[in-house]
Amino acid sequence: MKVISQPYHLRVLILPDPTVKYYFRIVGRISPGLVLPFLLKRIFTPAQPSIRDSHQQILEQGRTLSVTLPASGGRSALNIQAYSWSPVPQKSQGKTVLLMHGWGRNALDFYKAIPELLKAGYDVLAFDAPAHGRSDGEQSTMLDFSDALQAVMDQIMVPYAIVAHSVGCVAAVSALATGKYSVQKLVLNAPTVNLKSFVDHQLDGLEISGGLRKLFYQQAPATLGFDLAEQSLTQYVGKLSQHQVLVLFDASDKTVSDKDVVAY
């Protein structure tokens, strides 16, 4: 796997969105090749939301664990921050639910779901994907999400069920499709069915079009190590027949295409 931090030793432009849009629009027309490294870095650098009181409260109720994501290709080994919570012993079912967050989020964003799962008697396991939350890294891709999930299952445990959100759904499905892991239940909440559609939404938000957009998609496979258009949930459908899968989505979701979800 290639990592975008290797070919491009650049810092992300920390500028207000209107300024970033202006930069990409004006300079991108004059010299798309000059802008491209910054655009690649911008797209695959997740936002880092601040830790809220609700995050801190749920963190204090559990315990932290460390998982090592081995080096692969151009990627250095990374520390992955994991978390676990357990119900009171008399309510425990002896089953663990693993929570997989989406792009630009973190494990503690499940602060509302975790107490409900504990009340139902489930142990809960979650982790921050690379470049998210308290885990190492500056940039990340879906493959990094999937590799981190597999490292968690290898080093901690294979759960009874996985509940994934957004890009985390593609990571969960691709990890299970390897055939190395078997879970009883899989819940896909607002799944990113097609990664290219997800990136299209980000490019639209930055008002990227024309030659710069074309150049981005020409360069992305060499930079990422995979073709965005080839990464979708549909390619794994036949490999998940042994799992009970529940798919949840909102028809008014502006990021996830309801047509893609229905097709899946």
C-alpha atoms as a PDB file:
ATOM      1  CA  MET A   1       0.000   0.000   0.000  1.00  0.00           C
ATOM      2  CA  LYS A   2       1.237   3.477  -0.816  1.00  0.00           C
ATOM      3  CA  VAL A   3       0.717   6.246   1.687  1.00  0.00           C
ATOM      4  CA  ILE A   4       0.100   9.775   0.566  1.00  0.00           C
ATOM      5  CA  SER A   5       2.374  11.207   3.245  1.00  0.00           C
ATOM      6  CA  GLN A   6       5.348   9.575   1.533  1.00  0.00           C
ATOM      7  CA  PRO A   7       5.290  11.108  -1.987  1.00  0.00           C
ATOM      8  CA  TYR A   8       4.138  14.480  -0.715  1.00  0.00           C
ATOM      9  CA  HIS A   9       6.092  15.969   2.192  1.00  0.00           C
ATOM     10  CA  LEU A  10       3.737  18.910   2.557  1.00  0.00           C
ATOM     11  CA  ARG A  11       1.748  20.341   5.393  1.00  0.00           C
ATOM     12  CA  VAL A  12      -1.989  20.774   4.956  1.00  0.00           C
ATOM     13  CA  LEU A  13      -3.092  24.319   4.265  1.00  0.00           C
ATOM     14  CA  ILE A  14      -4.771  25.472   7.456  1.00  0.00           C
ATOM     15  CA  LEU A  15      -6.992  28.093   5.885  1.00  0.00           C
ATOM     16  CA  PRO A  16     -10.707  28.912   6.018  1.00  0.00           C
ATOM     17  CA  ASP A  17     -12.711  26.963   3.425  1.00  0.00           C
ATOM     18  CA  PRO A  18     -13.509  30.061   1.302  1.00  0.00           C
ATOM     19  CA  THR A  19      -9.770  30.810   1.012  1.00  0.00           C
ATOM     20  CA  VAL A  20      -8.971  27.201   0.162  1.00  0.00           C
ATOM     21  CA  LYS A  21     -11.681  27.149  -2.506  1.00  0.00           C
ATOM     22  CA  TYR A  22     -10.306  30.360  -4.014  1.00  0.00           C
ATOM     23  CA  TYR A  23      -6.771  28.935  -4.046  1.00  0.00           C
ATOM     24  CA  PHE A  24      -7.830  25.710  -5.754  1.00  0.00           C
ATOM     25  CA  ARG A  25     -10.093  27.516  -8.230  1.00  0.00           C
ATOM     26  CA  ILE A  26      -7.643  30.214  -9.325  1.00  0.00           C
ATOM     27  CA  VAL A  27      -4.252  28.500  -9.059  1.00  0.00           C
ATOM     28  CA  GLY A  28      -5.772  25.198 -10.201  1.00  0.00           C
ATOM     29  CA  ARG A  29      -6.739  26.749 -13.518  1.00  0.00           C
ATOM     30  CA  ILE A  30      -3.267  28.173 -14.076  1.00  0.00           C
ATOM     31  CA  SER A  31      -1.221  25.200 -12.902  1.00  0.00           C
ATOM     32  CA  PRO A  32      -3.196  22.068 -11.906  1.00  0.00           C
ATOM     33  CA  GLY A  33       0.022  20.131 -11.353  1.00  0.00           C
ATOM     34  CA  LEU A  34       1.197  22.639  -8.773  1.00  0.00           C
ATOM     35  CA  VAL A  35      -2.053  22.428  -6.809  1.00  0.00           C
ATOM     36  CA  LEU A  36      -2.523  18.660  -7.056  1.00  0.00           C
ATOM     37  CA  PRO A  37      -0.219  17.600  -4.143  1.00  0.00           C
ATOM     38  CA  PHE A  38      -2.041  19.984  -1.798  1.00  0.00           C
ATOM     39  CA  LEU A  39      -5.429  18.720  -3.002  1.00  0.00           C
ATOM     40  CA  LEU A  40      -4.493  15.067  -2.477  1.00  0.00           C
ATOM     41  CA  LYS A  41      -3.285  15.859   1.008  1.00  0.00           C
ATOM     42  CA  ARG A  42      -6.384  17.922   1.790  1.00  0.00           C
ATOM     43  CA  ILE A  43      -8.824  15.215   0.679  1.00  0.00           C
ATOM     44  CA  PHE A  44      -7.169  12.432   2.657  1.00  0.00           C
ATOM     45  CA  THR A  45      -6.447  14.416   5.815  1.00  0.00           C
ATOM     46  CA  PRO A  46      -9.409  14.005   8.179  1.00  0.00           C
ATOM     47  CA  ALA A  47     -10.729  16.807  10.327  1.00  0.00           C
ATOM     48  CA  GLN A  48      -9.892  16.567  14.029  1.00  0.00           C
ATOM     49  CA  PRO A  49     -12.992  17.547  16.026  1.00  0.00           C
ATOM     50  CA  SER A  50     -12.347  18.713  19.556  1.00  0.00           C
ATOM     51  CA  ILE A  51     -13.057  16.378  22.471  1.00  0.00           C
ATOM     52  CA  ARG A  52     -16.342  17.346  24.096  1.00  0.00           C
ATOM     53  CA  ASP A  53     -17.490  16.776  27.682  1.00  0.00           C
ATOM     54  CA  SER A  54     -19.641  13.859  26.514  1.00  0.00           C
ATOM     55  CA  HIS A  55     -16.539  12.237  24.985  1.00  0.00           C
ATOM     56  CA  GLN A  56     -14.539  12.683  28.153  1.00  0.00           C
ATOM     57  CA  GLN A  57     -17.318  11.229  30.307  1.00  0.00           C
ATOM     58  CA  ILE A  58     -17.639   8.043  28.252  1.00  0.00           C
ATOM     59  CA  LEU A  59     -13.830   7.740  28.092  1.00  0.00           C
ATOM     60  CA  GLU A  60     -13.592   7.788  31.878  1.00  0.00           C
ATOM     61  CA  GLN A  61     -16.077   4.904  32.124  1.00  0.00           C
ATOM     62  CA  GLY A  62     -13.926   2.535  30.074  1.00  0.00           C
ATOM     63  CA  ARG A  63     -10.313   1.583  29.679  1.00  0.00           C
ATOM     64  CA  THR A  64      -7.786   2.302  26.950  1.00  0.00           C
ATOM     65  CA  LEU A  65      -5.849  -0.264  24.951  1.00  0.00           C
ATOM     66  CA  SER A  66      -3.000   0.049  22.443  1.00  0.00           C
ATOM     67  CA  VAL A  67      -2.844  -1.825  19.157  1.00  0.00           C
ATOM     68  CA  THR A  68       0.098  -1.766  16.749  1.00  0.00           C
ATOM     69  CA  LEU A  69      -0.713  -1.340  13.078  1.00  0.00           C
ATOM     70  CA  PRO A  70       2.300  -2.941  11.353  1.00  0.00           C
ATOM     71  CA  ALA A  71       4.288  -1.071   8.727  1.00  0.00           C
ATOM     72  CA  SER A  72       3.115  -1.799   5.200  1.00  0.00           C
ATOM     73  CA  GLY A  73       4.549  -0.499   1.950  1.00  0.00           C
ATOM     74  CA  GLY A  74       5.397   3.151   2.523  1.00  0.00           C
ATOM     75  CA  ARG A  75       3.438   3.351   5.769  1.00  0.00           C
ATOM     76  CA  SER A  76       5.304   3.316   9.052  1.00  0.00           C
ATOM     77  CA  ALA A  77       4.005   1.299  11.992  1.00  0.00           C
ATOM     78  CA  LEU A  78       1.294   3.214  13.839  1.00  0.00           C
ATOM     79  CA  ASN A  79      -0.159   3.092  17.331  1.00  0.00           C
ATOM     80  CA  ILE A  80      -3.911   2.605  17.219  1.00  0.00           C
ATOM     81  CA  GLN A  81      -5.851   3.787  20.258  1.00  0.00           C
ATOM     82  CA  ALA A  82      -8.558   1.347  21.283  1.00  0.00           C
ATOM     83  CA  TYR A  83     -11.147   1.486  24.062  1.00  0.00           C
ATOM     84  CA  SER A  84     -13.292  -1.061  25.882  1.00  0.00           C
ATOM     85  CA  TRP A  85     -16.301  -0.957  28.194  1.00  0.00           C
ATOM     86  CA  SER A  86     -17.952  -3.768  30.117  1.00  0.00           C
ATOM     87  CA  PRO A  87     -21.446  -4.076  31.625  1.00  0.00           C
ATOM     88  CA  VAL A  88     -21.996  -4.978  35.243  1.00  0.00           C
ATOM     89  CA  PRO A  89     -21.177  -8.704  35.650  1.00  0.00           C
ATOM     90  CA  GLN A  90     -24.737  -9.790  36.431  1.00  0.00           C
ATOM     91  CA  LYS A  91     -25.979  -8.336  33.117  1.00  0.00           C
ATOM     92  CA  SER A  92     -23.165  -9.529  30.891  1.00  0.00           C
ATOM     93  CA  GLN A  93     -24.072 -11.662  27.882  1.00  0.00           C
ATOM     94  CA  GLY A  94     -20.439 -12.507  27.257  1.00  0.00           C
ATOM     95  CA  LYS A  95     -20.671 -10.985  23.771  1.00  0.00           C
ATOM     96  CA  THR A  96     -18.704  -8.037  22.390  1.00  0.00           C
ATOM     97  CA  VAL A  97     -19.877  -5.422  19.897  1.00  0.00           C
ATOM     98  CA  LEU A  98     -17.133  -3.608  18.005  1.00  0.00           C
ATOM     99  CA  LEU A  99     -17.894  -0.037  16.893  1.00  0.00           C
ATOM    100  CA  MET A 100     -16.227   1.292  13.728  1.00  0.00           C
ATOM    101  CA  HIS A 101     -16.495   5.061  13.194  1.00  0.00           C
ATOM    102  CA  GLY A 102     -16.548   6.951   9.899  1.00  0.00           C
ATOM    103  CA  TRP A 103     -14.384   9.555   8.214  1.00  0.00           C
ATOM    104  CA  GLY A 104     -13.442  12.553  10.322  1.00  0.00           C
ATOM    105  CA  ARG A 105     -14.970  11.037  13.449  1.00  0.00           C
ATOM    106  CA  ASN A 106     -13.594   8.986  16.350  1.00  0.00           C
ATOM    107  CA  ALA A 107     -14.555   6.112  18.636  1.00  0.00           C
ATOM    108  CA  LEU A 108     -15.912   8.390  21.357  1.00  0.00           C
ATOM    109  CA  ASP A 109     -18.561   9.733  18.973  1.00  0.00           C
ATOM    110  CA  PHE A 110     -20.493   6.578  19.911  1.00  0.00           C
ATOM    111  CA  TYR A 111     -20.995   8.060  23.389  1.00  0.00           C
ATOM    112  CA  LYS A 112     -24.782   7.668  23.112  1.00  0.00           C
ATOM    113  CA  ALA A 113     -24.727   4.115  21.766  1.00  0.00           C
ATOM    114  CA  ILE A 114     -22.184   2.722  24.232  1.00  0.00           C
ATOM    115  CA  PRO A 115     -24.355   3.079  27.387  1.00  0.00           C
ATOM    116  CA  GLU A 116     -27.288   1.453  25.585  1.00  0.00           C
ATOM    117  CA  LEU A 117     -25.194  -1.523  24.543  1.00  0.00           C
ATOM    118  CA  LEU A 118     -23.903  -1.874  28.104  1.00  0.00           C
ATOM    119  CA  LYS A 119     -27.474  -1.822  29.451  1.00  0.00           C
ATOM    120  CA  ALA A 120     -28.276  -4.645  27.036  1.00  0.00           C
ATOM    121  CA  GLY A 121     -25.410  -6.668  28.504  1.00  0.00           C
ATOM    122  CA  TYR A 122     -22.869  -6.312  25.695  1.00  0.00           C
ATOM    123  CA  ASP A 123     -19.184  -5.623  26.107  1.00  0.00           C
ATOM    124  CA  VAL A 124     -18.093  -2.794  23.794  1.00  0.00           C
ATOM    125  CA  LEU A 125     -14.857  -2.400  21.872  1.00  0.00           C
ATOM    126  CA  ALA A 126     -13.981   0.611  19.697  1.00  0.00           C
ATOM    127  CA  PHE A 127     -10.896   2.266  18.253  1.00  0.00           C
ATOM    128  CA  ASP A 128      -9.722   5.405  16.493  1.00  0.00           C
ATOM    129  CA  ALA A 129      -8.746   4.784  12.877  1.00  0.00           C
ATOM    130  CA  PRO A 130      -5.328   5.996  11.663  1.00  0.00           C
ATOM    131  CA  ALA A 131      -5.095   9.822  11.680  1.00  0.00           C
ATOM    132  CA  HIS A 132      -8.304   9.991  13.716  1.00  0.00           C
ATOM    133  CA  GLY A 133      -8.851  10.671  17.404  1.00  0.00           C
ATOM    134  CA  ARG A 134      -5.847   9.604  19.480  1.00  0.00           C
ATOM    135  CA  SER A 135      -4.335   7.235  16.937  1.00  0.00           C
ATOM    136  CA  ASP A 136      -1.105   7.985  15.065  1.00  0.00           C
ATOM    137  CA  GLY A 137      -0.961   9.311  11.524  1.00  0.00           C
ATOM    138  CA  GLU A 138      -1.716  12.449   9.544  1.00  0.00           C
ATOM    139  CA  GLN A 139      -3.471  11.032   6.477  1.00  0.00           C
ATOM    140  CA  SER A 140      -5.670   7.994   6.055  1.00  0.00           C
ATOM    141  CA  THR A 141      -7.519   5.936   3.458  1.00  0.00           C
ATOM    142  CA  MET A 142     -10.144   3.214   3.511  1.00  0.00           C
ATOM    143  CA  LEU A 143      -7.389   0.600   3.303  1.00  0.00           C
ATOM    144  CA  ASP A 144      -5.812   2.064   6.433  1.00  0.00           C
ATOM    145  CA  PHE A 145      -9.226   1.793   8.158  1.00  0.00           C
ATOM    146  CA  SER A 146      -9.482  -1.862   7.118  1.00  0.00           C
ATOM    147  CA  ASP A 147      -5.903  -2.677   8.136  1.00  0.00           C
ATOM    148  CA  ALA A 148      -6.486  -1.075  11.550  1.00  0.00           C
ATOM    149  CA  LEU A 149      -9.696  -3.049  12.077  1.00  0.00           C
ATOM    150  CA  GLN A 150      -7.895  -6.270  11.238  1.00  0.00           C
ATOM    151  CA  ALA A 151      -5.067  -5.375  13.628  1.00  0.00           C
ATOM    152  CA  VAL A 152      -7.623  -4.807  16.404  1.00  0.00           C
ATOM    153  CA  MET A 153      -9.263  -8.176  15.735  1.00  0.00           C
ATOM    154  CA  ASP A 154      -5.874  -9.912  15.537  1.00  0.00           C
ATOM    155  CA  GLN A 155      -4.482  -8.384  18.712  1.00  0.00           C
ATOM    156  CA  ILE A 156      -7.575  -8.041  20.916  1.00  0.00           C
ATOM    157  CA  MET A 157     -10.455 -10.191  19.724  1.00  0.00           C
ATOM    158  CA  VAL A 158     -12.926 -11.027  16.971  1.00  0.00           C
ATOM    159  CA  PRO A 159     -16.262  -9.624  18.193  1.00  0.00           C
ATOM    160  CA  TYR A 160     -19.743 -11.071  18.168  1.00  0.00           C
ATOM    161  CA  ALA A 161     -20.957  -8.130  16.078  1.00  0.00           C
ATOM    162  CA  ILE A 162     -19.617  -5.086  14.253  1.00  0.00           C
ATOM    163  CA  VAL A 163     -21.519  -1.799  13.991  1.00  0.00           C
ATOM    164  CA  ALA A 164     -19.918   0.465  11.384  1.00  0.00           C
ATOM    165  CA  HIS A 165     -20.651   3.942  10.084  1.00  0.00           C
ATOM    166  CA  SER A 166     -19.953   5.665   6.740  1.00  0.00           C
ATOM    167  CA  VAL A 167     -16.459   4.859   5.381  1.00  0.00           C
ATOM    168  CA  GLY A 168     -16.075   2.488   8.318  1.00  0.00           C
ATOM    169  CA  CYS A 169     -18.646   0.256   6.600  1.00  0.00           C
ATOM    170  CA  VAL A 170     -16.387  -0.303   3.580  1.00  0.00           C
ATOM    171  CA  ALA A 171     -13.509  -1.067   5.934  1.00  0.00           C
ATOM    172  CA  ALA A 172     -15.575  -3.568   7.939  1.00  0.00           C
ATOM    173  CA  VAL A 173     -16.926  -5.342   4.888  1.00  0.00           C
ATOM    174  CA  SER A 174     -13.522  -5.550   3.182  1.00  0.00           C
ATOM    175  CA  ALA A 175     -11.934  -6.927   6.373  1.00  0.00           C
ATOM    176  CA  LEU A 176     -14.608  -9.602   6.745  1.00  0.00           C
ATOM    177  CA  ALA A 177     -14.363 -10.431   3.043  1.00  0.00           C
ATOM    178  CA  THR A 178     -10.795 -11.663   3.598  1.00  0.00           C
ATOM    179  CA  GLY A 179     -12.317 -14.765   5.164  1.00  0.00           C
ATOM    180  CA  LYS A 180     -10.029 -14.550   8.201  1.00  0.00           C
ATOM    181  CA  TYR A 181     -12.742 -13.328  10.544  1.00  0.00           C
ATOM    182  CA  SER A 182     -16.319 -14.348  11.198  1.00  0.00           C
ATOM    183  CA  VAL A 183     -18.835 -12.292  13.132  1.00  0.00           C
ATOM    184  CA  GLN A 184     -22.436 -13.187  13.825  1.00  0.00           C
ATOM    185  CA  LYS A 185     -23.935  -9.811  12.991  1.00  0.00           C
ATOM    186  CA  LEU A 186     -22.926  -6.786  10.934  1.00  0.00           C
ATOM    187  CA  VAL A 187     -24.706  -3.406  11.056  1.00  0.00           C
ATOM    188  CA  LEU A 188     -23.911  -0.852   8.347  1.00  0.00           C
ATOM    189  CA  ASN A 189     -25.138   2.611   9.298  1.00  0.00           C
ATOM    190  CA  ALA A 190     -25.223   5.168   6.430  1.00  0.00           C
ATOM    191  CA  PRO A 191     -22.689   3.098   4.488  1.00  0.00           C
ATOM    192  CA  THR A 192     -20.409   4.664   1.911  1.00  0.00           C
ATOM    193  CA  VAL A 193     -21.278   2.231  -0.859  1.00  0.00           C
ATOM    194  CA  ASN A 194     -18.901   3.720  -3.410  1.00  0.00           C
ATOM    195  CA  LEU A 195     -15.671   5.466  -2.364  1.00  0.00           C
ATOM    196  CA  LYS A 196     -15.539   7.524  -5.552  1.00  0.00           C
ATOM    197  CA  SER A 197     -18.951   8.984  -4.723  1.00  0.00           C
ATOM    198  CA  PHE A 198     -17.663   9.870  -1.267  1.00  0.00           C
ATOM    199  CA  VAL A 199     -14.611  11.638  -2.707  1.00  0.00           C
ATOM    200  CA  ASP A 200     -16.787  13.320  -5.343  1.00  0.00           C
ATOM    201  CA  HIS A 201     -18.786  14.855  -2.503  1.00  0.00           C
ATOM    202  CA  GLN A 202     -15.594  16.227  -0.936  1.00  0.00           C
ATOM    203  CA  LEU A 203     -14.367  17.615  -4.268  1.00  0.00           C
ATOM    204  CA  ASP A 204     -17.752  19.238  -4.835  1.00  0.00           C
ATOM    205  CA  GLY A 205     -17.466  20.899  -1.435  1.00  0.00           C
ATOM    206  CA  LEU A 206     -14.159  22.454  -2.494  1.00  0.00           C
ATOM    207  CA  GLU A 207     -15.643  23.371  -5.902  1.00  0.00           C
ATOM    208  CA  ILE A 208     -12.995  21.316  -7.739  1.00  0.00           C
ATOM    209  CA  SER A 209     -13.802  20.842 -11.409  1.00  0.00           C
ATOM    210  CA  GLY A 210     -12.282  20.752 -14.868  1.00  0.00           C
ATOM    211  CA  GLY A 211      -8.650  19.843 -15.415  1.00  0.00           C
ATOM    212  CA  LEU A 212      -7.747  19.733 -11.731  1.00  0.00           C
ATOM    213  CA  ARG A 213     -10.505  17.220 -10.974  1.00  0.00           C
ATOM    214  CA  LYS A 214      -9.475  15.078 -13.945  1.00  0.00           C
ATOM    215  CA  LEU A 215      -5.831  15.197 -12.878  1.00  0.00           C
ATOM    216  CA  PHE A 216      -6.804  14.252  -9.313  1.00  0.00           C
ATOM    217  CA  TYR A 217      -8.466  11.027 -10.472  1.00  0.00           C
ATOM    218  CA  GLN A 218      -5.580  10.239 -12.809  1.00  0.00           C
ATOM    219  CA  GLN A 219      -3.041  10.555  -9.992  1.00  0.00           C
ATOM    220  CA  ALA A 220      -5.080   9.129  -7.099  1.00  0.00           C
ATOM    221  CA  PRO A 221      -4.549   5.402  -7.922  1.00  0.00           C
ATOM    222  CA  ALA A 222      -0.752   5.776  -8.004  1.00  0.00           C
ATOM    223  CA  THR A 223      -0.824   7.798  -4.802  1.00  0.00           C
ATOM    224  CA  LEU A 224      -3.220   5.565  -2.865  1.00  0.00           C
ATOM    225  CA  GLY A 225      -2.288   2.179  -4.245  1.00  0.00           C
ATOM    226  CA  PHE A 226      -5.852   1.444  -5.383  1.00  0.00           C
ATOM    227  CA  ASP A 227      -8.489   2.799  -7.767  1.00  0.00           C
ATOM    228  CA  LEU A 228     -11.283   4.660  -5.979  1.00  0.00           C
ATOM    229  CA  ALA A 229     -13.824   3.537  -8.584  1.00  0.00           C
ATOM    230  CA  GLU A 230     -13.066  -0.104  -7.788  1.00  0.00           C
ATOM    231  CA  GLN A 231     -13.657   0.230  -4.041  1.00  0.00           C
ATOM    232  CA  SER A 232     -17.321  -0.343  -3.298  1.00  0.00           C
ATOM    233  CA  LEU A 233     -19.455  -2.531  -1.059  1.00  0.00           C
ATOM    234  CA  THR A 234     -21.015  -4.299  -4.037  1.00  0.00           C
ATOM    235  CA  GLN A 235     -17.772  -6.103  -4.857  1.00  0.00           C
ATOM    236  CA  TYR A 236     -17.948  -7.905  -1.493  1.00  0.00           C
ATOM    237  CA  VAL A 237     -21.618  -8.927  -1.510  1.00  0.00           C
ATOM    238  CA  GLY A 238     -21.005 -12.570  -2.395  1.00  0.00           C
ATOM    239  CA  LYS A 239     -18.371 -12.914   0.322  1.00  0.00           C
ATOM    240  CA  LEU A 240     -20.677 -11.947   3.195  1.00  0.00           C
ATOM    241  CA  SER A 241     -23.376 -14.597   2.798  1.00  0.00           C
ATOM    242  CA  GLN A 242     -22.476 -16.157   6.158  1.00  0.00           C
ATOM    243  CA  HIS A 243     -23.166 -12.918   8.076  1.00  0.00           C
ATOM    244  CA  GLN A 244     -26.446 -11.398   9.190  1.00  0.00           C
ATOM    245  CA  VAL A 245     -26.295  -7.888   7.750  1.00  0.00           C
ATOM    246  CA  LEU A 246     -28.527  -4.942   8.650  1.00  0.00           C
ATOM    247  CA  VAL A 247     -28.214  -1.809   6.507  1.00  0.00           C
ATOM    248  CA  LEU A 248     -29.516   1.525   7.843  1.00  0.00           C
ATOM    249  CA  PHE A 249     -29.699   4.743   5.858  1.00  0.00           C
ATOM    250  CA  ASP A 250     -31.519   8.061   5.692  1.00  0.00           C
ATOM    251  CA  ALA A 251     -33.087   8.936   2.335  1.00  0.00           C
ATOM    252  CA  SER A 252     -32.349  12.607   3.028  1.00  0.00           C
ATOM    253  CA  ASP A 253     -28.613  11.989   3.596  1.00  0.00           C
ATOM    254  CA  LYS A 254     -26.688  14.461   1.411  1.00  0.00           C
ATOM    255  CA  THR A 255     -23.412  12.533   1.583  1.00  0.00           C
ATOM    256  CA  VAL A 256     -24.521   8.937   1.063  1.00  0.00           C
ATOM    257  CA  SER A 257     -26.551   8.204  -2.074  1.00  0.00           C
ATOM    258  CA  ASP A 258     -29.778   6.406  -1.184  1.00  0.00           C
ATOM    259  CA  LYS A 259     -29.768   4.937  -4.710  1.00  0.00           C
ATOM    260  CA  ASP A 260     -26.363   3.348  -4.065  1.00  0.00           C
ATOM    261  CA  VAL A 261     -27.556   1.929  -0.746  1.00  0.00           C
ATOM    262  CA  VAL A 262     -30.734   0.485  -2.251  1.00  0.00           C
ATOM    263  CA  ALA A 263     -28.729  -1.032  -5.112  1.00  0.00           C
ATOM    264  CA  TYR A 264     -26.356  -2.603  -2.597  1.00  0.00           C
END
